[in-house]
Amino acid sequence: MSSERRLSIKPATVVVLLAALAVAALFIWETRILTPIAIDDAYITFSYSKNLATGQGPVYGHGERVEGYSNFLWMVAVAIGLLVSPRGADPLLVARATMIPFVALLGFATYRLARARSSRLLSIAALAVLALAADVGTAFLMGLETLPAMAFLMLGFWLYVRSIGADAPGAGGGGDDGDGGGGGDTGDVARLRRWVVPVFVAVALSRIDGFIPLGFILGFEAARRLLRRDGTVRDYVVWAAPGVLVYAIWFLWRWHYYGLPLPTTYYAKALIPKLLPHRGWEYVRDEMRANGWLALAPLGLLALVARKRIATLALVAFVAVHVAYVVRAGGDWMPYGRFLLPLLPVMLVLAAWGGQRLAAGLRPRLGRASLVLLLLPLAAMAFVVRRTERHITDEPLQQTKLAIAADQGNHVKNLKAAARILTWALAPGARLVTDYGGVFAYYTDAAPIEMWGLCNAAIARRGGTERVNPIYGRTCPECYPALGPQFFHVLVPIVRGLAAFRSHFEVVNSVWQTDTIGRYIDFTRGFVTGRAMVPEHDQAVYFLERRSPGGSYRPRQASDTVTIDYPFEPLGRAPGL
C-alpha cells in the first residue's frame, strides 16, 4: 500500500467524525447549554488572555506580573479569540468557541489511534464513549485547557504510533507496531516522526503537568532505540532537539518574565502531598471506580500479548506513569476528574486494541464466530457509558460532580453580578483582597490580592494552611501588611440587600479571614465600611476600605444606577440606619 494511500483520510472517516461531533453537540445543547456551568478558576486564565489581547501582556488583573495561569497555549488561544470577538463578549463563550477545533482534533486523533489496531466498529464505539462522558461535557463548558491538552496528547500518540509503523488502516487490528521506524526513514514516516516531539511540547505548553507526557515520550523512544539498536545518538538528538529547544526557550522566558521557575499555582498547592498523603490515591481510586474505567483495564492489558506490541506498551506505560503522578500530586477538587480525564481516550483505545486482539487470536479456532468476542470491549465501553452519561448514571460521585458543576455555575453568575457593582468603588489598580481571583480580576480594574496564593507569589511561597484546605491553596495572614490591601469584600452572598448589616463590626466579621489577618491589620480602626448600591433593585455590595486621613466619606453617584456610600461613618450615614 502506498504512503499516499495510507495517509489519506477516507470519506467514511470524515462521516464518522462529523456524526460524533453532531452527537456531542446535541448532547451538550440538550443537557447543559441552558445550565450555568462555569468556574471562577477559568476566569483567572481569561484575565491574562484579556490583558494579552489588549496589549498589556500576559499579566494578572491590573498589571500584576505573576504567573497565576498554568496553561500558556490555552491562555494565548483564548486571547486570540477575545481579540477577534465583539467588544464585551463573554469570555466563557469565547473559550467554548475557541475549543471547538480542539474537540474535533481530539475526536479525530482518538479515532485514528484506535483504528491503528482495531476495527472501525470498536473505533467508533471508543469515540462515542468519549463524546457521552459527563466529565468531557463539563470540561468543555468550563472553558479550561483540559480538552485542548487531551487533543494534543492523542495526536502525539497517534503520530508516534504511525512513526514506528503501527498503523495499518483496514487491517482489522493486524497492524505492525514494532518493526517500523528504523534507519533509513523516508517520505511520510520521516515527516510524521519530525512532528511527534513538537506535538508533545504543545501538551507541555498547554498544562502545568504536560512535561510528564513530553518526558515520557522522550524516555520511551530513547529506550526503544537502545533496546532495538535502532539508529544513532545523533538521530535521536535530531529527532528530539528542535521541540525540546522550543520548550526550553519558553521555560527560560517565563522564568525571567515572572521571576519564578514554576507557576504560583504549583507553589500554592505544593503542600497537598505532605499534609494529605492519602489524597492522591483516594482521588484515583474514586474516579476510576465511579467512571467504570476498571472495566477497560483487562482489555488494555490483553493487547500486550500481541507479538508486536511496542505501541501498546507505550500507552500502557504512559497510563501507569500518569496515575503514579496523580497519586503523588494529590489530584484536585474540580468536578470533572481533571487530573485523570486525559487517560480516558487512552484507555478506550487500549480497550479497542485488546478486544480486537482477542478476536483475532481466536479466529483460527473459531472462524467468523470469533467476531462475537468483540462484544466484550463493546460491553466494557457500554459499562463506562452507564457510569458516566449524565442522563442515566446513578453513581453517587458522578451525581455529586454534576451538582457541584451546576452550583459553581450559579456561583460564578453571582460573582459576576457582584464584580459589576463593586467595580464602581474601585480605582484602577486598587488592591482588592479576594478569594475569587478570577471573576474579580476579569470584571474589575483592580489589582487583586488573590487569597489562596494561586495568583500571589508571596502567599504561594510563604503561606501555610491555617484553617484552610490545602487542596485549594494556601493562606498567609502575616503577608498582608507588606501586600498593602486597600479593599476587602464580604463573604458570599456578596450581593445583599441595602440594609444587610447594621454596624462596621458586623461587616468586619463577614469578611473572610479577618480573624487571622486581624492579628496583623487593624480592621476596626484602619478600615471603614463602604457600600456600592443599586437602590432600584435593593442590591448592595458591602466592602472594607482602608481609612484615608482626611478622606471624604460622603455619598457619591458612581453611575446612573450605582451609588457609593459609607453607612457607618458620621458624614456618610444613610437615613434610617
Protein backbone atom coordinates (compact mmCIF):
# COMPACT_ATOMS: atom_id res chain seq x y z
CA MET A 1 0.00 0.00 0.00
CA SER A 2 1.47 3.38 -0.95
CA SER A 3 2.28 6.01 1.65
CA GLU A 4 -0.12 8.41 -0.07
CA ARG A 5 -2.99 5.99 0.35
CA ARG A 6 -2.04 5.16 3.94
CA LEU A 7 -2.02 8.83 4.89
CA SER A 8 -5.27 9.77 3.19
CA ILE A 9 -8.40 10.43 5.23
CA LYS A 10 -11.19 8.28 3.84
CA PRO A 11 -14.68 9.73 3.35
CA ALA A 12 -16.04 7.21 5.85
CA THR A 13 -13.72 8.63 8.50
CA VAL A 14 -14.97 12.14 7.82
CA VAL A 15 -18.58 10.95 8.11
CA VAL A 16 -17.82 9.20 11.38
CA LEU A 17 -16.14 12.27 12.87
CA LEU A 18 -18.92 14.60 11.77
CA ALA A 19 -21.52 12.22 13.23
CA ALA A 20 -19.62 12.04 16.51
CA LEU A 21 -19.39 15.82 16.70
CA ALA A 22 -23.10 16.10 15.97
CA VAL A 23 -23.90 13.67 18.78
CA ALA A 24 -21.67 15.60 21.15
CA ALA A 25 -23.19 18.94 20.11
CA LEU A 26 -26.76 17.69 20.56
CA PHE A 27 -25.81 16.17 23.90
CA ILE A 28 -24.27 19.40 25.15
CA TRP A 29 -27.19 21.50 23.90
CA GLU A 30 -29.89 19.28 25.35
CA THR A 31 -28.33 18.68 28.75
CA ARG A 32 -26.11 21.61 29.59
CA ILE A 33 -26.26 24.68 27.42
CA LEU A 34 -29.09 26.14 29.50
CA THR A 35 -27.37 25.15 32.76
CA PRO A 36 -24.95 27.81 34.04
CA ILE A 37 -21.84 25.64 34.28
CA ALA A 38 -18.75 27.75 34.95
CA ILE A 39 -15.90 28.03 37.42
CA ASP A 40 -14.06 31.02 38.86
CA ASP A 41 -10.64 29.50 38.18
CA ALA A 42 -11.21 29.72 34.43
CA TYR A 43 -11.55 33.49 34.73
CA ILE A 44 -8.00 33.65 36.09
CA THR A 45 -6.82 32.45 32.69
CA PHE A 46 -9.33 34.74 30.98
CA SER A 47 -7.86 37.72 32.87
CA TYR A 48 -4.43 37.02 31.41
CA SER A 49 -5.98 36.47 27.99
CA LYS A 50 -7.81 39.79 28.17
CA ASN A 51 -4.65 41.66 29.10
CA LEU A 52 -2.68 39.96 26.34
CA ALA A 53 -5.40 40.73 23.79
CA THR A 54 -5.46 44.41 24.81
CA GLY A 55 -1.70 44.83 24.60
CA GLN A 56 -0.93 44.75 28.32
CA GLY A 57 0.98 41.49 28.14
CA PRO A 58 0.31 38.19 29.97
CA VAL A 59 -0.31 39.80 33.36
CA TYR A 60 -2.94 39.31 36.04
CA GLY A 61 -5.62 41.81 36.92
CA HIS A 62 -4.44 45.40 36.57
CA GLY A 63 -0.85 44.67 35.58
CA GLU A 64 0.21 42.15 38.23
CA ARG A 65 3.22 40.27 36.83
CA VAL A 66 2.65 36.89 38.44
CA GLU A 67 2.18 33.55 36.68
CA GLY A 68 -1.19 32.53 38.05
CA TYR A 69 -2.15 30.53 34.97
CA SER A 70 -0.74 27.09 34.19
CA ASN A 71 -1.91 26.72 30.59
CA PHE A 72 0.18 29.00 28.38
CA LEU A 73 -1.04 27.87 24.96
CA TRP A 74 -4.67 27.88 26.02
CA MET A 75 -4.28 31.36 27.51
CA VAL A 76 -2.88 32.55 24.18
CA ALA A 77 -5.64 30.79 22.22
CA VAL A 78 -8.36 32.47 24.30
CA ALA A 79 -6.57 35.81 23.87
CA ILE A 80 -6.79 35.38 20.11
CA GLY A 81 -10.47 34.50 20.49
CA LEU A 82 -11.07 37.66 22.52
CA LEU A 83 -9.12 39.72 20.00
CA VAL A 84 -11.40 38.71 17.13
CA SER A 85 -14.63 38.69 19.17
CA PRO A 86 -17.02 41.62 19.56
CA ARG A 87 -16.13 44.03 22.33
CA GLY A 88 -17.57 42.91 25.64
CA ALA A 89 -18.09 39.30 24.56
CA ASP A 90 -18.47 36.79 27.38
CA PRO A 91 -15.00 35.20 27.76
CA LEU A 92 -16.54 31.86 28.68
CA LEU A 93 -18.46 31.73 25.40
CA VAL A 94 -15.31 32.79 23.56
CA ALA A 95 -13.37 29.99 25.26
CA ARG A 96 -16.01 27.42 24.28
CA ALA A 97 -15.97 28.59 20.68
CA THR A 98 -12.17 28.52 20.67
CA MET A 99 -12.28 24.96 22.00
CA ILE A 100 -14.40 23.53 19.17
CA PRO A 101 -11.47 22.86 16.78
CA PHE A 102 -9.60 21.15 19.61
CA VAL A 103 -12.62 18.95 20.35
CA ALA A 104 -12.67 17.97 16.68
CA LEU A 105 -8.93 17.24 16.83
CA LEU A 106 -9.44 15.12 19.96
CA GLY A 107 -12.12 13.09 18.21
CA PHE A 108 -10.05 12.67 15.07
CA ALA A 109 -6.87 11.62 16.88
CA THR A 110 -8.72 9.22 19.18
CA TYR A 111 -10.48 7.55 16.29
CA ARG A 112 -7.33 7.26 14.19
CA LEU A 113 -5.29 5.88 17.07
CA ALA A 114 -7.96 3.30 17.89
CA ARG A 115 -8.20 2.39 14.21
CA ALA A 116 -4.48 1.63 14.13
CA ARG A 117 -5.11 -1.78 15.67
CA SER A 118 -8.86 -2.29 15.86
CA SER A 119 -11.91 -2.41 13.64
CA ARG A 120 -13.99 0.54 12.57
CA LEU A 121 -16.77 -0.63 14.89
CA LEU A 122 -14.62 -0.52 18.02
CA SER A 123 -13.02 2.77 16.98
CA ILE A 124 -16.43 4.39 16.55
CA ALA A 125 -17.53 2.95 19.89
CA ALA A 126 -14.50 4.46 21.63
CA LEU A 127 -15.29 7.84 20.10
CA ALA A 128 -18.94 7.60 21.19
CA VAL A 129 -17.97 6.83 24.79
CA LEU A 130 -15.70 9.87 24.80
CA ALA A 131 -18.48 12.10 23.48
CA LEU A 132 -21.02 10.86 26.03
CA ALA A 133 -18.84 11.12 29.15
CA ALA A 134 -20.23 13.71 31.54
CA ASP A 135 -16.74 14.84 32.56
CA VAL A 136 -15.89 15.67 28.95
CA GLY A 137 -19.02 17.82 28.64
CA THR A 138 -18.26 19.60 31.90
CA ALA A 139 -14.66 20.21 30.82
CA PHE A 140 -15.89 21.77 27.58
CA LEU A 141 -18.39 24.06 29.26
CA MET A 142 -16.00 25.25 31.97
CA GLY A 143 -13.64 26.63 29.33
CA LEU A 144 -10.36 25.37 30.75
CA GLU A 145 -7.46 23.75 28.91
CA THR A 146 -8.21 20.08 29.63
CA LEU A 147 -9.68 19.11 26.26
CA PRO A 148 -7.12 21.01 24.14
CA ALA A 149 -4.32 19.33 26.11
CA MET A 150 -6.02 15.96 25.59
CA ALA A 151 -6.27 16.67 21.87
CA PHE A 152 -2.54 17.31 21.60
CA LEU A 153 -1.83 14.23 23.72
CA MET A 154 -3.84 11.89 21.49
CA LEU A 155 -2.47 13.48 18.34
CA GLY A 156 1.04 12.99 19.69
CA PHE A 157 0.45 9.33 20.43
CA TRP A 158 -1.14 8.75 17.03
CA LEU A 159 1.84 10.36 15.27
CA TYR A 160 4.23 8.33 17.40
CA VAL A 161 2.46 5.05 16.70
CA ARG A 162 2.41 5.85 12.99
CA SER A 163 6.07 6.85 13.04
CA ILE A 164 7.10 3.43 14.33
CA GLY A 165 4.98 1.67 11.73
CA ALA A 166 1.88 0.74 13.73
CA ASP A 167 -0.98 1.91 11.58
CA ALA A 168 -2.48 -0.34 9.01
CA PRO A 169 -5.94 1.02 8.18
CA GLY A 170 -8.40 -1.57 7.13
CA ALA A 171 -6.28 -4.37 8.53
CA GLY A 172 -8.75 -5.05 11.30
CA GLY A 173 -6.17 -4.98 14.02
CA GLY A 174 -3.37 -6.69 12.21
CA GLY A 175 -1.08 -3.69 12.04
CA ASP A 176 2.58 -3.91 12.94
CA ASP A 177 3.63 -1.69 15.80
CA GLY A 178 7.05 -3.00 16.41
CA ASP A 179 9.29 -3.04 13.41
CA GLY A 180 8.75 0.25 11.69
CA GLY A 181 10.77 3.37 12.21
CA GLY A 182 14.26 2.03 11.85
CA GLY A 183 17.11 3.60 9.99
CA GLY A 184 16.62 4.99 6.53
CA ASP A 185 13.49 6.99 7.25
CA THR A 186 11.88 8.20 4.04
CA GLY A 187 8.80 10.03 2.89
CA ASP A 188 5.74 10.24 5.09
CA VAL A 189 7.09 8.26 8.05
CA ALA A 190 10.01 10.66 8.36
CA ARG A 191 7.68 13.65 8.23
CA LEU A 192 5.43 12.12 10.88
CA ARG A 193 8.39 11.42 13.11
CA ARG A 194 9.53 15.05 12.98
CA TRP A 195 6.18 16.19 14.38
CA VAL A 196 6.00 13.83 17.37
CA VAL A 197 8.09 15.86 19.82
CA PRO A 198 6.65 19.26 18.79
CA VAL A 199 3.13 17.96 19.43
CA PHE A 200 4.14 16.66 22.86
CA VAL A 201 5.75 20.05 23.51
CA ALA A 202 2.31 21.53 22.78
CA VAL A 203 0.95 19.28 25.55
CA ALA A 204 3.64 20.61 27.89
CA LEU A 205 2.76 24.20 26.99
CA SER A 206 -0.95 23.54 27.50
CA ARG A 207 -0.85 22.12 31.03
CA ILE A 208 1.44 22.60 34.02
CA ASP A 209 1.88 18.82 34.21
CA GLY A 210 2.32 18.43 30.46
CA PHE A 211 6.04 17.94 30.96
CA ILE A 212 5.16 14.39 32.08
CA PRO A 213 3.94 13.10 28.67
CA LEU A 214 6.77 15.04 27.00
CA GLY A 215 9.37 13.47 29.27
CA PHE A 216 7.69 10.10 28.89
CA ILE A 217 7.79 10.04 25.10
CA LEU A 218 11.41 11.20 25.08
CA GLY A 219 12.37 8.49 27.56
CA PHE A 220 10.31 5.75 25.93
CA GLU A 221 11.71 6.43 22.48
CA ALA A 222 15.26 6.51 23.85
CA ALA A 223 14.69 3.12 25.49
CA ARG A 224 13.11 1.70 22.32
CA ARG A 225 16.03 2.79 20.17
CA LEU A 226 18.56 1.49 22.67
CA LEU A 227 16.95 -1.93 23.08
CA ARG A 228 16.44 -2.40 19.34
CA ARG A 229 19.74 -0.77 18.38
CA ASP A 230 17.69 1.50 16.15
CA GLY A 231 19.60 4.49 14.81
CA THR A 232 22.33 6.52 16.45
CA VAL A 233 22.57 9.06 19.23
CA ARG A 234 22.76 11.74 16.57
CA ASP A 235 19.49 10.50 15.03
CA TYR A 236 17.79 10.75 18.40
CA VAL A 237 19.12 14.24 19.07
CA VAL A 238 17.99 15.43 15.64
CA TRP A 239 14.53 13.97 16.38
CA ALA A 240 14.17 15.44 19.87
CA ALA A 241 16.23 18.62 19.95
CA PRO A 242 14.08 21.11 17.97
CA GLY A 243 10.97 20.57 20.10
CA VAL A 244 12.91 20.42 23.36
CA LEU A 245 14.70 23.65 22.42
CA VAL A 246 11.35 25.40 21.94
CA TYR A 247 10.21 24.18 25.34
CA ALA A 248 13.50 25.29 26.96
CA ILE A 249 13.28 28.76 25.44
CA TRP A 250 9.71 29.15 26.67
CA PHE A 251 10.67 27.89 30.13
CA LEU A 252 13.56 30.35 30.43
CA TRP A 253 11.40 33.21 29.13
CA ARG A 254 8.66 32.65 31.68
CA TRP A 255 11.20 32.26 34.49
CA HIS A 256 12.76 35.58 33.52
CA TYR A 257 9.42 37.30 32.96
CA TYR A 258 7.68 36.17 36.17
CA GLY A 259 10.70 35.59 38.41
CA LEU A 260 9.88 32.03 39.47
CA PRO A 261 10.76 28.73 37.78
CA LEU A 262 7.21 27.40 38.15
CA PRO A 263 3.73 28.98 38.21
CA THR A 264 2.42 30.19 41.55
CA THR A 265 -0.34 27.59 41.26
CA TYR A 266 2.32 24.93 41.81
CA TYR A 267 3.68 26.56 44.96
CA ALA A 268 0.20 27.26 46.28
CA LYS A 269 -0.69 23.57 46.18
CA ALA A 270 2.70 22.03 46.87
CA LEU A 271 1.71 21.09 50.44
CA ILE A 272 -1.01 18.66 49.37
CA PRO A 273 1.21 15.51 49.30
CA LYS A 274 2.71 16.37 52.68
CA LEU A 275 -0.47 17.30 54.54
CA LEU A 276 -2.86 14.94 52.72
CA PRO A 277 -0.62 11.94 51.90
CA HIS A 278 -3.54 9.65 51.01
CA ARG A 279 -5.49 12.20 48.99
CA GLY A 280 -3.96 11.25 45.63
CA TRP A 281 -4.62 7.54 46.00
CA GLU A 282 -8.19 8.18 47.13
CA TYR A 283 -8.72 10.52 44.19
CA VAL A 284 -7.52 7.92 41.68
CA ARG A 285 -9.48 5.11 43.36
CA ASP A 286 -12.73 7.04 43.49
CA GLU A 287 -12.52 8.38 39.93
CA MET A 288 -11.56 5.03 38.41
CA ARG A 289 -14.35 3.26 40.29
CA ALA A 290 -17.02 5.88 39.60
CA ASN A 291 -16.16 6.16 35.90
CA GLY A 292 -16.11 2.42 35.34
CA TRP A 293 -12.66 2.65 33.80
CA LEU A 294 -11.51 -0.51 35.62
CA ALA A 295 -13.67 -2.49 33.17
CA LEU A 296 -11.37 -1.30 30.38
CA ALA A 297 -8.13 -2.27 32.09
CA PRO A 298 -8.14 -6.07 31.42
CA LEU A 299 -8.71 -5.50 27.72
CA GLY A 300 -5.91 -2.96 27.59
CA LEU A 301 -3.53 -5.39 29.25
CA LEU A 302 -4.70 -8.13 26.88
CA ALA A 303 -3.36 -6.07 23.99
CA LEU A 304 0.12 -6.61 25.42
CA VAL A 305 0.05 -10.30 24.40
CA ALA A 306 0.35 -9.29 20.75
CA ARG A 307 3.56 -10.44 19.12
CA LYS A 308 4.48 -6.89 18.15
CA ARG A 309 3.41 -4.68 20.97
CA ILE A 310 5.61 -1.58 21.25
CA ALA A 311 2.74 0.86 20.66
CA THR A 312 0.56 -0.92 23.22
CA LEU A 313 3.42 -0.92 25.71
CA ALA A 314 3.85 2.82 25.20
CA LEU A 315 0.20 3.55 26.01
CA VAL A 316 0.07 1.16 28.98
CA ALA A 317 3.30 2.56 30.40
CA PHE A 318 2.00 6.11 29.99
CA VAL A 319 -1.18 5.25 31.89
CA ALA A 320 0.94 3.82 34.73
CA VAL A 321 3.23 6.85 34.83
CA HIS A 322 0.36 9.31 34.77
CA VAL A 323 -1.54 7.50 37.53
CA ALA A 324 1.61 7.48 39.66
CA TYR A 325 1.95 11.23 39.11
CA VAL A 326 -1.66 11.90 40.13
CA VAL A 327 -1.24 9.78 43.27
CA ARG A 328 1.83 11.85 44.13
CA ALA A 329 0.28 15.23 43.27
CA GLY A 330 -2.98 14.59 45.13
CA GLY A 331 -5.48 15.43 42.41
CA ASP A 332 -7.68 18.48 42.68
CA TRP A 333 -11.23 19.49 43.56
CA MET A 334 -12.71 20.39 40.19
CA PRO A 335 -15.90 18.45 39.39
CA TYR A 336 -14.78 16.59 36.29
CA GLY A 337 -11.79 14.49 37.35
CA ARG A 338 -9.46 16.94 35.63
CA PHE A 339 -6.21 15.21 36.59
CA LEU A 340 -7.32 11.79 35.32
CA LEU A 341 -9.56 12.75 32.39
CA PRO A 342 -6.67 12.70 29.86
CA LEU A 343 -6.43 8.95 30.44
CA LEU A 344 -9.99 8.26 29.24
CA PRO A 345 -9.27 8.29 25.48
CA VAL A 346 -6.03 6.39 26.03
CA MET A 347 -7.82 3.64 27.96
CA LEU A 348 -10.60 3.48 25.38
CA VAL A 349 -8.03 2.98 22.65
CA LEU A 350 -6.32 0.24 24.65
CA ALA A 351 -9.66 -1.50 25.22
CA ALA A 352 -10.39 -1.41 21.49
CA TRP A 353 -6.96 -2.80 20.71
CA GLY A 354 -7.28 -5.56 23.33
CA GLY A 355 -10.74 -6.60 22.19
CA GLN A 356 -9.60 -6.77 18.59
CA ARG A 357 -6.56 -8.79 19.60
CA LEU A 358 -8.74 -11.29 21.46
CA ALA A 359 -10.98 -11.84 18.44
CA ALA A 360 -8.02 -12.09 16.06
CA GLY A 361 -6.19 -14.52 18.30
CA LEU A 362 -9.10 -16.95 18.45
CA ARG A 363 -10.14 -16.62 14.83
CA PRO A 364 -8.04 -19.65 13.67
CA ARG A 365 -10.06 -21.84 16.05
CA LEU A 366 -13.48 -20.21 15.94
CA GLY A 367 -13.56 -18.79 12.44
CA ARG A 368 -16.00 -15.94 11.91
CA ALA A 369 -17.67 -16.84 15.18
CA SER A 370 -14.70 -15.15 16.87
CA LEU A 371 -16.29 -11.81 15.95
CA VAL A 372 -18.74 -12.41 18.79
CA LEU A 373 -15.83 -11.71 21.13
CA LEU A 374 -15.98 -8.07 20.02
CA LEU A 375 -18.98 -7.86 22.32
CA LEU A 376 -16.54 -7.88 25.26
CA PRO A 377 -14.94 -4.47 24.53
CA LEU A 378 -18.34 -3.12 23.50
CA ALA A 379 -19.79 -4.27 26.81
CA ALA A 380 -16.91 -2.68 28.72
CA MET A 381 -17.45 0.60 26.88
CA ALA A 382 -21.20 0.40 27.49
CA PHE A 383 -20.45 -0.04 31.19
CA VAL A 384 -18.41 3.18 31.12
CA VAL A 385 -21.30 4.98 29.44
CA ARG A 386 -23.67 3.64 32.09
CA ARG A 387 -21.45 5.16 34.75
CA THR A 388 -20.65 8.47 33.08
CA GLU A 389 -23.57 9.59 30.87
CA ARG A 390 -25.42 12.17 32.93
CA HIS A 391 -28.94 11.09 31.90
CA ILE A 392 -28.60 7.52 33.09
CA THR A 393 -25.86 7.42 35.72
CA ASP A 394 -26.81 6.74 39.31
CA GLU A 395 -23.21 6.66 40.52
CA PRO A 396 -23.02 8.89 43.65
CA LEU A 397 -19.71 10.52 42.77
CA GLN A 398 -20.94 11.38 39.27
CA GLN A 399 -24.12 12.87 40.67
CA THR A 400 -22.06 14.87 43.16
CA LYS A 401 -19.77 16.19 40.44
CA LEU A 402 -22.69 17.24 38.27
CA ALA A 403 -24.31 19.00 41.23
CA ILE A 404 -21.06 20.82 42.05
CA ALA A 405 -20.65 21.89 38.42
CA ALA A 406 -24.14 23.38 38.35
CA ASP A 407 -23.61 25.03 41.74
CA GLN A 408 -20.33 26.56 40.57
CA GLY A 409 -22.12 27.95 37.53
CA ASN A 410 -24.65 29.76 39.70
CA HIS A 411 -21.83 30.87 41.98
CA VAL A 412 -19.93 32.45 39.08
CA LYS A 413 -23.11 34.17 37.91
CA ASN A 414 -23.45 35.78 41.35
CA LEU A 415 -19.76 36.72 41.42
CA LYS A 416 -20.09 38.48 38.06
CA ALA A 417 -23.07 40.46 39.37
CA ALA A 418 -21.06 41.46 42.45
CA ALA A 419 -17.99 42.43 40.42
CA ARG A 420 -20.00 44.66 38.11
CA ILE A 421 -21.36 46.57 41.10
CA LEU A 422 -18.17 46.70 43.17
CA THR A 423 -16.03 47.88 40.24
CA TRP A 424 -17.60 51.35 40.59
CA ALA A 425 -15.99 51.72 44.02
CA LEU A 426 -12.51 50.67 42.86
CA ALA A 427 -9.96 52.94 41.25
CA PRO A 428 -7.76 51.31 38.56
CA GLY A 429 -5.06 49.28 40.27
CA ALA A 430 -6.85 49.19 43.63
CA ARG A 431 -5.55 46.42 45.90
CA LEU A 432 -8.69 44.33 46.35
CA VAL A 433 -8.33 41.29 48.59
CA THR A 434 -10.49 38.47 47.22
CA ASP A 435 -10.84 34.72 47.49
CA TYR A 436 -12.38 34.73 44.00
CA GLY A 437 -9.40 35.85 41.98
CA GLY A 438 -10.81 35.01 38.56
CA VAL A 439 -14.05 36.94 38.17
CA PHE A 440 -12.85 39.99 40.13
CA ALA A 441 -9.65 40.15 38.08
CA TYR A 442 -11.56 39.98 34.80
CA TYR A 443 -14.54 42.23 35.53
CA THR A 444 -12.86 44.99 37.56
CA ASP A 445 -9.81 47.20 37.09
CA ALA A 446 -8.43 46.13 40.46
CA ALA A 447 -5.01 44.59 41.10
CA PRO A 448 -6.37 41.72 43.20
CA ILE A 449 -4.59 40.16 46.14
CA GLU A 450 -5.70 36.58 45.49
CA MET A 451 -6.12 35.00 48.93
CA TRP A 452 -5.27 31.39 48.03
CA GLY A 453 -1.87 32.16 46.54
CA LEU A 454 -2.83 30.98 43.07
CA CYS A 455 -2.03 34.44 41.73
CA ASN A 456 0.10 35.82 44.54
CA ALA A 457 3.73 34.78 44.86
CA ALA A 458 4.12 35.89 48.49
CA ILE A 459 1.17 33.82 49.70
CA ALA A 460 2.08 30.88 47.45
CA ARG A 461 5.65 30.65 48.75
CA ARG A 462 5.38 31.84 52.36
CA GLY A 463 1.86 30.75 53.24
CA GLY A 464 0.63 27.85 55.31
CA THR A 465 -2.69 26.08 55.71
CA GLU A 466 -4.09 27.55 58.90
CA ARG A 467 -7.82 26.73 58.84
CA VAL A 468 -7.87 26.17 55.07
CA ASN A 469 -7.91 23.03 52.92
CA PRO A 470 -4.58 22.73 51.05
CA ILE A 471 -6.41 21.25 48.05
CA TYR A 472 -7.42 24.85 47.22
CA GLY A 473 -4.16 26.63 48.07
CA ARG A 474 -2.56 28.48 50.98
CA THR A 475 -3.20 31.33 53.35
CA CYS A 476 -0.68 33.85 54.69
CA PRO A 477 -2.10 36.29 57.28
CA GLU A 478 1.38 37.64 58.05
CA CYS A 479 1.86 38.62 54.39
CA TYR A 480 -0.85 41.27 54.31
CA PRO A 481 0.95 44.28 55.83
CA ALA A 482 3.52 44.08 53.02
CA LEU A 483 0.84 43.43 50.37
CA GLY A 484 -0.85 46.77 51.15
CA PRO A 485 -4.54 45.80 50.93
CA GLN A 486 -7.00 48.62 50.25
CA PHE A 487 -10.31 46.78 49.88
CA PHE A 488 -11.92 43.58 51.18
CA HIS A 489 -15.34 42.34 50.05
CA VAL A 490 -17.73 40.36 52.25
CA LEU A 491 -18.35 36.63 52.09
CA VAL A 492 -20.94 35.15 49.75
CA PRO A 493 -23.60 36.11 49.08
CA ILE A 494 -21.59 39.18 48.12
CA VAL A 495 -24.63 40.93 46.63
CA ARG A 496 -27.03 41.57 49.53
CA GLY A 497 -29.87 43.85 50.47
CA LEU A 498 -29.27 47.53 51.17
CA ALA A 499 -29.69 47.07 54.93
CA ALA A 500 -27.86 43.72 55.22
CA PHE A 501 -25.55 44.98 58.01
CA ARG A 502 -26.15 47.21 60.99
CA SER A 503 -22.60 48.03 62.07
CA HIS A 504 -19.00 48.19 60.95
CA PHE A 505 -18.25 45.35 63.38
CA GLU A 506 -20.76 43.08 61.59
CA VAL A 507 -19.12 43.78 58.24
CA VAL A 508 -15.64 43.05 59.58
CA ASN A 509 -16.90 39.71 60.89
CA SER A 510 -18.39 38.92 57.47
CA VAL A 511 -15.11 39.25 55.59
CA TRP A 512 -13.12 36.04 55.16
CA GLN A 513 -10.01 35.59 57.32
CA THR A 514 -10.32 38.84 59.25
CA ASP A 515 -9.90 36.79 62.42
CA THR A 516 -6.43 35.65 61.30
CA ILE A 517 -5.38 38.61 59.15
CA GLY A 518 -6.60 40.78 62.02
CA ARG A 519 -3.53 39.75 64.00
CA TYR A 520 -1.53 41.93 61.61
CA ILE A 521 -4.03 44.53 60.40
CA ASP A 522 -6.42 46.63 62.48
CA PHE A 523 -9.75 46.27 60.71
CA THR A 524 -11.73 48.14 63.35
CA ARG A 525 -9.84 51.43 63.16
CA GLY A 526 -7.81 51.07 59.97
CA PHE A 527 -10.75 50.42 57.63
CA VAL A 528 -14.19 51.87 57.03
CA THR A 529 -17.28 50.10 55.74
CA GLY A 530 -18.35 51.08 52.24
CA ARG A 531 -21.33 50.09 50.18
CA ALA A 532 -21.86 50.05 46.41
CA MET A 533 -25.63 50.21 45.96
CA VAL A 534 -28.19 49.68 43.24
CA PRO A 535 -31.18 51.13 45.14
CA GLU A 536 -33.63 50.39 42.33
CA HIS A 537 -33.12 46.64 42.89
CA ASP A 538 -32.36 46.71 46.64
CA GLN A 539 -28.85 45.42 45.94
CA ALA A 540 -25.62 46.31 47.67
CA VAL A 541 -22.05 45.05 47.80
CA TYR A 542 -20.50 45.85 51.17
CA PHE A 543 -16.74 46.23 51.42
CA LEU A 544 -14.00 47.37 53.76
CA GLU A 545 -11.85 50.26 52.54
CA ARG A 546 -8.58 51.35 54.10
CA ARG A 547 -9.16 54.56 56.03
CA SER A 548 -7.50 57.56 54.42
CA PRO A 549 -6.55 60.57 56.64
CA GLY A 550 -8.70 63.47 55.58
CA GLY A 551 -10.68 61.27 53.19
CA SER A 552 -14.26 62.12 52.32
CA TYR A 553 -16.93 59.55 53.11
CA ARG A 554 -19.91 61.39 51.72
CA PRO A 555 -22.27 59.51 49.36
CA ARG A 556 -21.46 59.85 45.67
CA GLN A 557 -23.15 58.83 42.46
CA ALA A 558 -20.77 56.47 40.64
CA SER A 559 -23.04 55.83 37.64
CA ASP A 560 -26.63 56.22 36.58
CA THR A 561 -27.57 53.21 38.70
CA VAL A 562 -24.78 52.75 41.28
CA THR A 563 -24.28 54.88 44.40
CA ILE A 564 -21.33 54.63 46.77
CA ASP A 565 -21.72 55.49 50.43
CA TYR A 566 -20.19 54.74 53.84
CA PRO A 567 -23.18 53.98 56.02
CA PHE A 568 -21.47 53.84 59.40
CA GLU A 569 -19.35 56.98 59.06
CA PRO A 570 -20.70 60.22 60.58
CA LEU A 571 -20.59 62.02 57.24
CA GLY A 572 -21.81 59.06 55.26
CA ARG A 573 -24.61 57.62 57.35
CA ALA A 574 -27.65 56.86 55.26
CA PRO A 575 -31.10 57.86 56.55
CA GLY A 576 -32.75 55.15 58.61
CA LEU A 577 -29.53 53.29 59.53
